[in-house]
Protein backbone atom coordinates (compact mmCIF):
# COMPACT_ATOMS: atom_id res chain seq x y z
CA UNK A 1 0.00 0.00 0.00
CA UNK A 2 1.38 3.41 -0.97
CA UNK A 3 1.75 6.38 1.37
CA UNK A 4 -1.26 8.17 -0.12
CA UNK A 5 -3.28 4.97 0.00
CA UNK A 6 -2.67 4.68 3.74
CA UNK A 7 -3.92 8.23 4.36
CA UNK A 8 -6.99 7.81 2.18
CA UNK A 9 -10.19 8.43 4.17
CA UNK A 10 -12.72 8.27 1.34
CA UNK A 11 -12.47 4.52 0.80
CA UNK A 12 -15.42 2.23 1.30
CA UNK A 13 -13.35 -0.32 3.25
CA UNK A 14 -12.00 0.18 6.80
CA UNK A 15 -8.42 -0.93 6.20
CA UNK A 16 -6.08 -2.65 8.64
CA UNK A 17 -3.75 0.37 8.68
CA UNK A 18 -6.62 2.71 9.60
CA UNK A 19 -7.69 0.34 12.36
CA UNK A 20 -4.17 0.25 13.85
CA UNK A 21 -3.88 4.03 13.58
CA UNK A 22 -7.22 4.59 15.34
CA UNK A 23 -6.34 2.04 18.03
CA UNK A 24 -3.05 3.78 18.79
CA UNK A 25 -4.66 7.22 19.02
CA UNK A 26 -7.76 6.16 21.00
CA UNK A 27 -5.95 4.69 24.02
CA UNK A 28 -8.03 1.49 23.95
CA UNK A 29 -7.17 -2.00 22.81
CA UNK A 30 -4.04 -4.12 23.30
CA UNK A 31 -1.13 -3.08 21.13
CA UNK A 32 1.63 -5.44 19.95
CA UNK A 33 4.89 -4.32 18.35
CA UNK A 34 7.61 -6.47 16.85
CA UNK A 35 10.99 -5.65 18.33
CA UNK A 36 14.04 -5.05 16.20
CA UNK A 37 17.67 -5.88 16.83
CA UNK A 38 18.30 -2.53 18.54
CA UNK A 39 15.71 -3.32 21.24
CA UNK A 40 17.39 -6.61 22.29
CA UNK A 41 20.35 -6.97 24.61
CA UNK A 42 23.50 -8.86 23.67
CA UNK A 43 24.11 -12.36 25.04
CA UNK A 44 26.91 -11.14 27.37
CA UNK A 45 24.91 -8.27 28.93
CA UNK A 46 23.34 -8.25 32.39
CA UNK A 47 19.59 -8.78 32.55
CA UNK A 48 19.29 -5.99 35.15
CA UNK A 49 21.74 -3.29 34.06
CA UNK A 50 21.64 -4.22 30.31
CA UNK A 51 25.38 -3.50 30.17
CA UNK A 52 28.25 -5.87 29.34
CA UNK A 53 29.17 -7.84 32.47
CA UNK A 54 32.49 -7.32 34.24
CA UNK A 55 32.01 -10.15 36.74
CA UNK A 56 29.24 -12.28 35.19
CA UNK A 57 27.26 -14.92 37.06
CA UNK A 58 24.50 -17.17 35.76
CA UNK A 59 21.48 -18.75 37.45
CA UNK A 60 20.26 -22.34 37.09
CA UNK A 61 17.80 -21.14 34.43
CA UNK A 62 20.58 -19.60 32.31
CA UNK A 63 20.00 -15.88 32.96
CA UNK A 64 23.18 -13.81 33.04
CA UNK A 65 23.68 -11.08 35.65
CA UNK A 66 26.39 -8.75 36.84
CA UNK A 67 27.43 -10.06 40.25
CA UNK A 68 27.18 -6.67 41.95
CA UNK A 69 23.75 -5.95 40.43
CA UNK A 70 22.18 -9.28 41.37
CA UNK A 71 23.58 -9.16 44.93
CA UNK A 72 22.13 -5.67 45.40
CA UNK A 73 18.80 -6.96 44.07
CA UNK A 74 18.77 -9.89 46.51
CA UNK A 75 19.62 -7.63 49.48
CA UNK A 76 16.94 -5.12 48.45
CA UNK A 77 14.33 -7.88 48.16
CA UNK A 78 15.25 -9.23 51.61
CA UNK A 79 14.83 -5.78 53.20
CA UNK A 80 11.47 -5.34 51.46
CA UNK A 81 10.34 -8.76 52.69
CA UNK A 82 11.41 -7.84 56.25
CA UNK A 83 9.37 -4.59 56.05
CA UNK A 84 6.30 -6.41 54.77
CA UNK A 85 6.64 -9.07 57.46
CA UNK A 86 6.88 -6.38 60.15
CA UNK A 87 3.72 -4.68 58.85
CA UNK A 88 1.95 -8.05 58.71
CA UNK A 89 2.87 -8.86 62.34
CA UNK A 90 1.66 -5.41 63.42
CA UNK A 91 -1.66 -5.98 61.65
CA UNK A 92 -1.93 -9.44 63.23
CA UNK A 93 -1.50 -7.99 66.74
CA UNK A 94 -4.06 -5.25 66.05
CA UNK A 95 -6.63 -7.78 64.80
CA UNK A 96 -6.00 -9.95 67.85
CA UNK A 97 -6.60 -7.04 70.23
CA UNK A 98 -9.76 -6.07 68.32
CA UNK A 99 -11.00 -9.63 68.57
CA UNK A 100 -10.45 -9.63 72.34
CA UNK A 101 -12.36 -6.35 72.70
CA UNK A 102 -15.23 -7.71 70.60
CA UNK A 103 -15.41 -10.87 72.68
CA UNK A 104 -15.54 -8.79 75.89
CA UNK A 105 -18.32 -6.57 74.47
CA UNK A 106 -20.29 -9.65 73.40
CA UNK A 107 -20.05 -11.08 76.91
CA UNK A 108 -21.34 -7.79 78.35
CA UNK A 109 -24.26 -7.78 75.90
CA UNK A 110 -25.16 -11.34 76.87
CA UNK A 111 -25.10 -10.41 80.55
CA UNK A 112 -27.37 -7.37 79.93
CA UNK A 113 -29.84 -9.46 77.91
CA UNK A 114 -29.91 -12.08 80.67
CA UNK A 115 -30.69 -9.41 83.29
CA UNK A 116 -33.54 -8.00 81.17
CA UNK A 117 -35.04 -11.46 80.71
CA UNK A 118 -34.87 -12.12 84.44
CA UNK A 119 -36.60 -8.83 85.20
CA UNK A 120 -39.40 -9.59 82.71
CA UNK A 121 -40.26 -12.88 84.47
CA UNK A 122 -41.95 -11.01 87.39
CA UNK A 123 -45.68 -11.93 87.38
CA UNK A 124 -48.25 -9.12 87.16
CA UNK A 125 -51.82 -9.29 88.55
CA UNK A 126 -54.55 -9.74 85.95
CA UNK A 127 -57.33 -7.10 85.95
CA UNK A 128 -60.67 -8.95 85.48
CA UNK A 129 -62.55 -5.77 84.44
CA UNK A 130 -60.59 -5.27 81.14
CA UNK A 131 -62.31 -6.65 78.02
CA UNK A 132 -60.77 -8.44 75.03
CA UNK A 133 -61.46 -5.48 72.72
CA UNK A 134 -59.46 -3.16 74.95
CA UNK A 135 -56.65 -5.72 74.98
CA UNK A 136 -56.75 -5.93 71.19
CA UNK A 137 -56.75 -2.15 70.79
CA UNK A 138 -53.89 -1.79 73.25
CA UNK A 139 -51.92 -4.49 71.43
CA UNK A 140 -52.65 -2.84 68.08
CA UNK A 141 -51.60 0.56 69.36
CA UNK A 142 -48.48 -1.07 70.80
CA UNK A 143 -47.67 -2.63 67.43
CA UNK A 144 -48.26 0.72 65.69
CA UNK A 145 -45.95 2.49 68.08
CA UNK A 146 -43.39 -0.29 67.64
CA UNK A 147 -43.57 0.05 63.86
CA UNK A 148 -43.27 3.82 64.05
CA UNK A 149 -40.31 3.52 66.41
CA UNK A 150 -38.63 0.95 64.15
CA UNK A 151 -39.24 3.14 61.10
CA UNK A 152 -37.83 6.15 62.89
CA UNK A 153 -34.77 4.13 63.87
CA UNK A 154 -33.89 3.18 60.26
CA UNK A 155 -30.48 4.60 59.29
CA UNK A 156 -30.15 7.08 56.47
CA UNK A 157 -27.38 6.51 53.91
CA UNK A 158 -26.90 10.26 53.39
CA UNK A 159 -26.02 10.96 57.02
CA UNK A 160 -22.21 10.82 57.29
CA UNK A 161 -22.30 9.22 60.72
CA UNK A 162 -24.48 6.33 59.44
CA UNK A 163 -22.71 5.62 56.16
CA UNK A 164 -20.67 2.38 55.92
CA UNK A 165 -17.04 2.83 56.85
CA UNK A 166 -14.26 1.88 54.43
CA UNK A 167 -12.19 -0.77 56.17
CA UNK A 168 -8.47 -0.94 55.39
CA UNK A 169 -7.35 -3.74 53.12
CA UNK A 170 -5.84 -6.65 55.00
CA UNK A 171 -2.22 -7.51 54.24
CA UNK A 172 -1.41 -11.05 53.19
CA UNK A 173 1.48 -12.91 54.74
CA UNK A 174 4.50 -12.18 52.51
CA UNK A 175 6.66 -14.96 51.16
CA UNK A 176 10.22 -15.06 52.49
CA UNK A 177 11.60 -16.45 49.22
CA UNK A 178 13.56 -14.14 46.89
CA UNK A 179 12.52 -14.68 43.27
CA UNK A 180 14.59 -14.29 40.13
CA UNK A 181 13.59 -11.06 38.32
CA UNK A 182 13.54 -12.84 34.94
CA UNK A 183 12.29 -16.40 35.52
CA UNK A 184 10.31 -15.88 38.75
CA UNK A 185 11.89 -18.98 40.32
CA UNK A 186 13.42 -19.01 43.84
CA UNK A 187 16.91 -17.50 43.88
CA UNK A 188 19.72 -17.86 46.40
CA UNK A 189 23.24 -16.48 46.50
CA UNK A 190 24.62 -20.02 46.53
CA UNK A 191 22.84 -20.76 43.23
CA UNK A 192 24.88 -18.16 41.31
CA UNK A 193 27.60 -19.66 39.12
CA UNK A 194 30.61 -17.64 37.97
CA UNK A 195 31.02 -17.35 34.20
CA UNK A 196 34.33 -17.02 32.36
CA UNK A 197 34.14 -15.83 28.76
CA UNK A 198 37.05 -16.54 26.43
CA UNK A 199 38.00 -13.25 24.68
CA UNK A 200 38.55 -13.22 20.94
CA UNK A 201 41.85 -11.38 21.31
CA UNK A 202 43.50 -11.75 24.74
CA UNK A 203 45.87 -8.87 24.03
CA UNK A 204 43.03 -6.31 24.01
CA UNK A 205 42.00 -4.54 27.19
CA UNK A 206 38.40 -4.38 28.39
CA UNK A 207 37.54 -1.02 26.77
CA UNK A 208 38.89 -2.06 23.39
CA UNK A 209 37.13 -5.41 23.68
CA UNK A 210 33.73 -3.85 24.37
CA UNK A 211 33.95 -1.63 21.29
CA UNK A 212 34.09 -4.67 19.02
CA UNK A 213 31.02 -6.49 17.72
CA UNK A 214 32.58 -9.97 18.13
CA UNK A 215 34.05 -10.11 21.62
CA UNK A 216 34.10 -13.71 22.81
CA UNK A 217 34.68 -17.18 21.36
CA UNK A 218 33.88 -20.76 22.39
CA UNK A 219 36.38 -22.11 24.95
CA UNK A 220 36.82 -25.34 22.93
CA UNK A 221 36.15 -24.76 19.23
CA UNK A 222 37.04 -21.03 19.17
CA UNK A 223 33.87 -20.23 17.25
CA UNK A 224 32.65 -16.65 17.57
CA UNK A 225 29.79 -16.23 20.07
CA UNK A 226 26.77 -14.02 19.51
CA UNK A 227 23.01 -13.80 19.80
CA UNK A 228 22.61 -16.07 16.77
CA UNK A 229 24.76 -18.84 18.33
CA UNK A 230 23.18 -20.98 21.09
CA UNK A 231 25.59 -21.20 24.04
CA UNK A 232 25.90 -23.12 27.31
CA UNK A 233 27.81 -22.65 30.56
CA UNK A 234 29.68 -25.55 32.17
CA UNK A 235 29.17 -25.45 35.93
CA UNK A 236 32.59 -26.78 37.16
CA UNK A 237 34.74 -24.40 35.11
CA UNK A 238 32.27 -21.65 34.20
CA UNK A 239 33.46 -21.81 30.59
CA UNK A 240 31.09 -20.77 27.81
CA UNK A 241 30.83 -23.16 24.86
CA UNK A 242 28.49 -23.49 21.91
CA UNK A 243 25.61 -25.95 21.99
CA UNK A 244 27.04 -27.57 18.88
CA UNK A 245 30.22 -28.29 20.83
CA UNK A 246 28.12 -29.73 23.68
CA UNK A 247 26.16 -32.03 21.39
CA UNK A 248 29.10 -33.26 19.29
CA UNK A 249 31.97 -33.36 21.79
CA UNK A 250 31.08 -32.90 25.46
CA UNK A 251 28.01 -35.14 25.70
CA UNK A 252 29.95 -38.14 24.40
CA UNK A 253 32.16 -38.55 27.48
CA UNK A 254 30.54 -35.96 29.84
CA UNK A 255 33.87 -34.45 30.93
CA UNK A 256 34.59 -30.75 31.31
CA UNK A 257 37.25 -29.99 28.65
CA UNK A 258 38.72 -27.15 30.75
CA UNK A 259 39.06 -28.73 34.20
CA UNK A 260 38.63 -32.43 33.41
CA UNK A 261 35.81 -32.89 35.95
CA UNK A 262 32.91 -35.21 35.29
CA UNK A 263 29.70 -33.55 34.18
CA UNK A 264 26.02 -34.26 34.79
CA UNK A 265 23.04 -33.07 32.79
CA UNK A 266 22.34 -30.30 35.30
CA UNK A 267 25.95 -29.06 34.99
CA UNK A 268 25.31 -27.96 31.38
CA UNK A 269 23.28 -24.74 31.63
CA UNK A 270 21.91 -23.30 28.35
CA UNK A 271 22.56 -19.56 28.30
CA UNK A 272 19.51 -17.40 27.72
CA UNK A 273 20.41 -15.14 24.80
CA UNK A 274 18.71 -12.23 23.12
CA UNK A 275 17.12 -12.34 19.69
CA UNK A 276 18.64 -11.38 16.37
CA UNK A 277 15.72 -9.56 14.76
CA UNK A 278 14.86 -12.59 12.61
CA UNK A 279 11.91 -14.89 13.24
CA UNK A 280 14.05 -18.00 12.86
CA UNK A 281 16.13 -17.25 15.96
CA UNK A 282 13.54 -18.97 18.14
CA UNK A 283 13.13 -15.99 20.51
CA UNK A 284 9.84 -14.17 21.08
CA UNK A 285 10.37 -10.69 19.64
CA UNK A 286 6.95 -9.21 20.33
CA UNK A 287 6.14 -6.60 22.96
CA UNK A 288 2.52 -6.24 24.11
CA UNK A 289 0.81 -3.45 26.02
CA UNK A 290 -2.52 -4.45 27.55
CA UNK A 291 -5.10 -1.64 27.59
CA UNK A 292 -8.86 -1.55 28.27
CA UNK A 293 -11.22 -2.49 25.45
CA UNK A 294 -14.48 -0.74 24.60
CA UNK A 295 -17.44 -3.09 24.63
CA UNK A 296 -20.51 -2.26 22.57
CA UNK A 297 -23.71 -3.74 24.08
CA UNK A 298 -26.60 -4.05 21.66
CA UNK A 299 -30.12 -4.04 22.96
């Protein structure tokens, strides 16, 4: 569709481009945008700071973090959990004291009702000169007065003192487990594994290395690493190798080629990498923003 065709408003058909344009300007409806390569972090960047890692560590799920950043995150989460737990304990004590006061007031009300019932048991002499009609009229007048008194005692919603009070929301007991910011799984400091990347040119310093597009290579095959190359971290040595090297070489004897230690399946951690901008990279490259939707109700 040409540029002038997109801006055409005299057409008989409501085009897809016009629908997307109206959705974006109206503020309603969920929007989805495909991300490009510039919106995706590199495979050696921290998931929190989005910067190349100086002292990288990886979790069991394969998410890479800067050690300083993830430790600060864990400490911050622990302090937040301690604050929430303190507020929860305070609320628990307040509810307990309120419950004790309510139980005491209920006991007092029961005692008052019991006294009234005991006082009403006193027998009264019957007057033989009163007729049944007078009794009926007196009972009817009593019921009328009771109804009028009950109607006068009905609360009014518009009186501020009789309106329902807004009770504060009750806090739920917080979980003491620190969760990974990316996977949402439980995270401990002991679960972090140090990662050692093999630089492409060992003679370059860190600043010169970061300015290059291809910075690191596989520790075994010396293949260049990037977002388009699936990688894995070996737990004993922390070396980063390609998945092709794992499938063709390492999985045959299950020995770490750097340290010579025996490997298990859980010791080979696939590294979570960013996308490449192409659909064939196997990474979800869509960003969604959920917004309210207008519903049209037909009568």
